[in-house]
Amino acid sequence: MFKIKHIDHLVLRVTDLQKMMDFYIKALGCTLEKTQEEIGLYQLRAGGSLIDLVTIDGTLGRMGGAAPGKEGRNLDHFCLSLETFDEGEIRAHLKSHGIDPGEVKSRYGADGQGPSFYLSDPEGNVVELKGPPER
């Protein structure tokens, strides 16, 4: 039998690559790790995981059907675990990028109960930013 360690990566099909890259790189601090333009794949490092952006008009993206939108999103949400959680600092940073993170709530995740924000990327995917477990 095998044992799952963690989420390796997730793939988002995107209509506006530049807006999505700006959001994940500039606002959330991911880094561009690998680009495969010939198939429309842009891989961003998010801590120990990857967020892959696939353009809907690229080789990979065309296989997924219609573009994501309010009537059919790619997923409900995904969660990025943060090393520390300073609400004021995070909120100020996100607001400087025109992002309203909404209300902080305590939610349960892989590491336990802890504070988190929900926000949306430019194409409506919901991203949860989750702090370490509460003591």
C-alpha atoms as a PDB file:
ATOM      1  CA  MET A   1       0.000   0.000   0.000  1.00  0.00           C
ATOM      2  CA  PHE A   2       1.104   3.566  -0.569  1.00  0.00           C
ATOM      3  CA  LYS A   3       0.699   6.662   1.601  1.00  0.00           C
ATOM      4  CA  ILE A   4      -0.051  10.146   0.268  1.00  0.00           C
ATOM      5  CA  LYS A   5       2.442  12.773   1.430  1.00  0.00           C
ATOM      6  CA  HIS A   6       0.932  16.102   0.244  1.00  0.00           C
ATOM      7  CA  ILE A   7      -0.632  17.775  -2.784  1.00  0.00           C
ATOM      8  CA  ASP A   8       2.077  17.971  -5.441  1.00  0.00           C
ATOM      9  CA  HIS A   9       0.385  20.395  -7.810  1.00  0.00           C
ATOM     10  CA  LEU A  10      -2.919  21.601  -9.175  1.00  0.00           C
ATOM     11  CA  VAL A  11      -3.733  22.801 -12.658  1.00  0.00           C
ATOM     12  CA  LEU A  12      -5.870  25.835 -13.468  1.00  0.00           C
ATOM     13  CA  ARG A  13      -7.115  26.455 -17.008  1.00  0.00           C
ATOM     14  CA  VAL A  14      -6.861  30.209 -17.646  1.00  0.00           C
ATOM     15  CA  THR A  15      -8.183  32.748 -20.136  1.00  0.00           C
ATOM     16  CA  ASP A  16      -5.909  35.692 -19.203  1.00  0.00           C
ATOM     17  CA  LEU A  17      -2.446  34.349 -18.483  1.00  0.00           C
ATOM     18  CA  GLN A  18      -0.868  37.710 -17.600  1.00  0.00           C
ATOM     19  CA  LYS A  19      -3.509  38.637 -15.017  1.00  0.00           C
ATOM     20  CA  MET A  20      -3.227  35.189 -13.451  1.00  0.00           C
ATOM     21  CA  MET A  21       0.601  35.332 -13.398  1.00  0.00           C
ATOM     22  CA  ASP A  22       0.452  38.796 -11.792  1.00  0.00           C
ATOM     23  CA  PHE A  23      -1.952  37.530  -9.111  1.00  0.00           C
ATOM     24  CA  TYR A  24      -0.030  34.390  -8.184  1.00  0.00           C
ATOM     25  CA  ILE A  25       3.476  35.889  -8.532  1.00  0.00           C
ATOM     26  CA  LYS A  26       3.091  39.514  -7.467  1.00  0.00           C
ATOM     27  CA  ALA A  27       0.218  39.263  -4.977  1.00  0.00           C
ATOM     28  CA  LEU A  28       0.761  35.784  -3.500  1.00  0.00           C
ATOM     29  CA  GLY A  29       4.541  35.481  -3.887  1.00  0.00           C
ATOM     30  CA  CYS A  30       4.752  32.375  -6.071  1.00  0.00           C
ATOM     31  CA  THR A  31       7.710  32.118  -8.450  1.00  0.00           C
ATOM     32  CA  LEU A  32       7.803  31.035 -12.078  1.00  0.00           C
ATOM     33  CA  GLU A  33       9.584  27.688 -12.065  1.00  0.00           C
ATOM     34  CA  LYS A  34       9.147  26.251 -15.541  1.00  0.00           C
ATOM     35  CA  THR A  35       7.555  27.306 -18.816  1.00  0.00           C
ATOM     36  CA  GLN A  36       6.501  25.029 -21.666  1.00  0.00           C
ATOM     37  CA  GLU A  37       5.047  27.548 -24.106  1.00  0.00           C
ATOM     38  CA  GLU A  38       4.660  24.957 -26.880  1.00  0.00           C
ATOM     39  CA  ILE A  39       1.876  23.285 -24.871  1.00  0.00           C
ATOM     40  CA  GLY A  40       0.646  26.393 -22.996  1.00  0.00           C
ATOM     41  CA  LEU A  41       1.919  25.347 -19.530  1.00  0.00           C
ATOM     42  CA  TYR A  42       3.344  27.741 -16.911  1.00  0.00           C
ATOM     43  CA  GLN A  43       4.401  26.183 -13.600  1.00  0.00           C
ATOM     44  CA  LEU A  44       4.545  28.345 -10.473  1.00  0.00           C
ATOM     45  CA  ARG A  45       6.254  27.328  -7.232  1.00  0.00           C
ATOM     46  CA  ALA A  46       3.994  27.676  -4.187  1.00  0.00           C
ATOM     47  CA  GLY A  47       6.109  26.482  -1.248  1.00  0.00           C
ATOM     48  CA  GLY A  48       6.477  22.715  -1.591  1.00  0.00           C
ATOM     49  CA  SER A  49       3.829  22.516  -4.320  1.00  0.00           C
ATOM     50  CA  LEU A  50       3.195  23.792  -7.826  1.00  0.00           C
ATOM     51  CA  ILE A  51       0.300  25.714  -9.327  1.00  0.00           C
ATOM     52  CA  ASP A  52       0.181  25.051 -13.052  1.00  0.00           C
ATOM     53  CA  LEU A  53      -1.486  27.611 -15.286  1.00  0.00           C
ATOM     54  CA  VAL A  54      -2.672  26.184 -18.610  1.00  0.00           C
ATOM     55  CA  THR A  55      -3.895  28.575 -21.302  1.00  0.00           C
ATOM     56  CA  ILE A  56      -7.278  27.498 -22.700  1.00  0.00           C
ATOM     57  CA  ASP A  57      -6.066  28.031 -26.265  1.00  0.00           C
ATOM     58  CA  GLY A  58      -2.919  25.908 -25.767  1.00  0.00           C
ATOM     59  CA  THR A  59      -2.482  22.201 -26.492  1.00  0.00           C
ATOM     60  CA  LEU A  60      -3.334  21.143 -22.934  1.00  0.00           C
ATOM     61  CA  GLY A  61      -6.031  23.748 -22.363  1.00  0.00           C
ATOM     62  CA  ARG A  62      -8.043  22.854 -25.468  1.00  0.00           C
ATOM     63  CA  MET A  63      -8.520  19.334 -24.065  1.00  0.00           C
ATOM     64  CA  GLY A  64     -10.554  20.729 -21.144  1.00  0.00           C
ATOM     65  CA  GLY A  65     -13.530  22.034 -23.090  1.00  0.00           C
ATOM     66  CA  ALA A  66     -15.144  25.420 -22.487  1.00  0.00           C
ATOM     67  CA  ALA A  67     -13.285  28.171 -20.663  1.00  0.00           C
ATOM     68  CA  PRO A  68     -13.783  28.484 -16.888  1.00  0.00           C
ATOM     69  CA  GLY A  69     -16.382  31.019 -15.786  1.00  0.00           C
ATOM     70  CA  LYS A  70     -19.085  31.677 -13.203  1.00  0.00           C
ATOM     71  CA  GLU A  71     -21.289  29.027 -14.789  1.00  0.00           C
ATOM     72  CA  GLY A  72     -18.584  26.354 -14.596  1.00  0.00           C
ATOM     73  CA  ARG A  73     -15.494  26.862 -12.434  1.00  0.00           C
ATOM     74  CA  ASN A  74     -12.477  24.576 -12.484  1.00  0.00           C
ATOM     75  CA  LEU A  75     -12.755  23.732  -8.757  1.00  0.00           C
ATOM     76  CA  ASP A  76     -14.433  24.879  -5.544  1.00  0.00           C
ATOM     77  CA  HIS A  77     -11.247  26.214  -3.926  1.00  0.00           C
ATOM     78  CA  PHE A  78      -7.705  25.295  -3.024  1.00  0.00           C
ATOM     79  CA  CYS A  79      -5.738  26.141   0.088  1.00  0.00           C
ATOM     80  CA  LEU A  80      -2.206  27.506   0.407  1.00  0.00           C
ATOM     81  CA  SER A  81      -0.706  26.900   3.827  1.00  0.00           C
ATOM     82  CA  LEU A  82       1.262  29.867   5.220  1.00  0.00           C
ATOM     83  CA  GLU A  83       4.262  29.558   7.532  1.00  0.00           C
ATOM     84  CA  THR A  84       3.057  32.452   9.702  1.00  0.00           C
ATOM     85  CA  PHE A  85      -0.202  34.392   9.873  1.00  0.00           C
ATOM     86  CA  ASP A  86      -0.073  38.102  10.689  1.00  0.00           C
ATOM     87  CA  GLU A  87      -3.570  39.229   9.710  1.00  0.00           C
ATOM     88  CA  GLY A  88      -2.722  42.940   9.465  1.00  0.00           C
ATOM     89  CA  GLU A  89       0.391  42.358   7.375  1.00  0.00           C
ATOM     90  CA  ILE A  90      -1.351  39.933   5.016  1.00  0.00           C
ATOM     91  CA  ARG A  91      -4.401  42.172   4.665  1.00  0.00           C
ATOM     92  CA  ALA A  92      -2.251  45.263   3.900  1.00  0.00           C
ATOM     93  CA  HIS A  93      -0.213  43.360   1.311  1.00  0.00           C
ATOM     94  CA  LEU A  94      -3.278  41.982  -0.460  1.00  0.00           C
ATOM     95  CA  LYS A  95      -5.024  45.379  -0.438  1.00  0.00           C
ATOM     96  CA  SER A  96      -1.915  46.934  -2.027  1.00  0.00           C
ATOM     97  CA  HIS A  97      -2.614  44.577  -4.947  1.00  0.00           C
ATOM     98  CA  GLY A  98      -6.308  45.494  -5.090  1.00  0.00           C
ATOM     99  CA  ILE A  99      -7.447  42.289  -3.382  1.00  0.00           C
ATOM    100  CA  ASP A 100     -10.042  42.215  -0.601  1.00  0.00           C
ATOM    101  CA  PRO A 101      -9.352  39.088   1.459  1.00  0.00           C
ATOM    102  CA  GLY A 102     -12.619  39.249   3.374  1.00  0.00           C
ATOM    103  CA  GLU A 103     -13.093  37.983   6.904  1.00  0.00           C
ATOM    104  CA  VAL A 104     -10.623  35.822   8.823  1.00  0.00           C
ATOM    105  CA  LYS A 105     -12.163  32.657  10.214  1.00  0.00           C
ATOM    106  CA  SER A 106     -10.798  29.624  11.993  1.00  0.00           C
ATOM    107  CA  ARG A 107     -10.982  26.613   9.682  1.00  0.00           C
ATOM    108  CA  TYR A 108      -9.761  23.036   9.769  1.00  0.00           C
ATOM    109  CA  GLY A 109      -7.118  21.839   7.296  1.00  0.00           C
ATOM    110  CA  ALA A 110      -4.360  19.271   6.910  1.00  0.00           C
ATOM    111  CA  ASP A 111      -2.301  20.832   9.720  1.00  0.00           C
ATOM    112  CA  GLY A 112      -5.264  21.391  12.064  1.00  0.00           C
ATOM    113  CA  GLN A 113      -7.526  24.276  13.071  1.00  0.00           C
ATOM    114  CA  GLY A 114      -6.207  27.725  12.177  1.00  0.00           C
ATOM    115  CA  PRO A 115      -6.964  31.182  10.789  1.00  0.00           C
ATOM    116  CA  SER A 116      -7.665  31.657   7.094  1.00  0.00           C
ATOM    117  CA  PHE A 117      -8.830  34.103   4.431  1.00  0.00           C
ATOM    118  CA  TYR A 118     -10.748  33.297   1.272  1.00  0.00           C
ATOM    119  CA  LEU A 119     -10.089  35.411  -1.817  1.00  0.00           C
ATOM    120  CA  SER A 120     -10.619  35.042  -5.544  1.00  0.00           C
ATOM    121  CA  ASP A 121      -8.051  35.145  -8.323  1.00  0.00           C
ATOM    122  CA  PRO A 122      -8.732  37.200 -11.478  1.00  0.00           C
ATOM    123  CA  GLU A 123     -10.670  34.332 -13.080  1.00  0.00           C
ATOM    124  CA  GLY A 124     -12.883  33.540 -10.094  1.00  0.00           C
ATOM    125  CA  ASN A 125     -11.001  30.593  -8.593  1.00  0.00           C
ATOM    126  CA  VAL A 126     -11.299  30.696  -4.807  1.00  0.00           C
ATOM    127  CA  VAL A 127      -7.978  30.575  -2.936  1.00  0.00           C
ATOM    128  CA  GLU A 128      -7.745  29.994   0.810  1.00  0.00           C
ATOM    129  CA  LEU A 129      -4.682  31.356   2.616  1.00  0.00           C
ATOM    130  CA  LYS A 130      -4.376  29.377   5.851  1.00  0.00           C
ATOM    131  CA  GLY A 131      -2.149  30.021   8.834  1.00  0.00           C
ATOM    132  CA  PRO A 132      -0.530  27.508  11.182  1.00  0.00           C
ATOM    133  CA  PRO A 133      -2.694  25.600  13.666  1.00  0.00           C
ATOM    134  CA  GLU A 134      -3.964  27.436  16.711  1.00  0.00           C
ATOM    135  CA  ARG A 135      -2.446  26.374  20.000  1.00  0.00           C
END
